[in-house]
C-alpha cells in the first residue's frame, strides 16, 4: 500500500511546511505528532477534533500548507464538506484514514484531496506522504487509485482527441509553450484549449482550477497512468 511518486517533484523544501491536523482520536493525534517531530521541515502547528475547531484556531489565521484529515469525525460531518471547507480557505488536504470505507474515500477524492494514506502505514511512508502533500504535490496510493477508478460519479467530460492530447502533455508537467511546440499549435491556442478543458470538468462537477487538479483529473480518466514508483523518504 506504499505511497507512489509523482515524477516531476523532487527534494525537500528548506522552509518549514505548516501542518494542521483534524483528528478526534487523541492517540492518533499524539502518534502523528510524534512521527513529525523529528523532521524540522514539517511543523505541526494546530490539532483539532473538527474542521470548525481547526479553522477557529489562531494558529491557522494564516492558512497552513496542509491539513491532515481523518475521514470519520464524531461531529457527523462529511468528508466532502470538510475538504471543500478547508480548500475554500486556501488549505490543501491529505486524508489519513483506516481506508475501510471506499465510499468515504471516493467522497474525499471528488472534493479535491491531494491523496489518501492509511494509518496502518509505517512511519517513513506517512512522513513522506505528509512532506509531499505539504509541498502541494499529489500523493498517489493504491487506495486513492482504487477509489477513483471505482467511482461511478466521475462523469465523462467528453474531451475531443485534441483536447486529450493537450491535457495529457500539460498535466504530465509540460509548460504551455512546450505543449504548443509538441502539438504544432500556438501557445494562445493551447491556453484556449486548457480553458475549455477546465470548463468541461467544471460543468461535469469535477473542477480543475490548478495544474495539480488537471493532473488528478487526467489520472482519474485514464489519460495519464497512475505512477508506479514507490516514494522513498
Foldseek 3Di string as FASTA:
>chain_A
DFWFDLPPDDDFDPAAFEEEEAAQPVVLVVVVCVLCVVPRSYHDQYYYPALVVRVPDPSCPPPTLEYEYEQDGPVPDGLLVSQLVNVVSVYAYEYEYQLPDLVSLLSNVLSPHLYYDYPPDDSQRVVLCCRQVSVVHHTDDPSNLVSLQPDPLQDDLDDDPVLLLLLLCQLSPDDLCVSCVVVVHHSVVSVVSVVVVQVSCVVSSRHQPDSNSSNSNCCSVVSDDRGDHGDGD
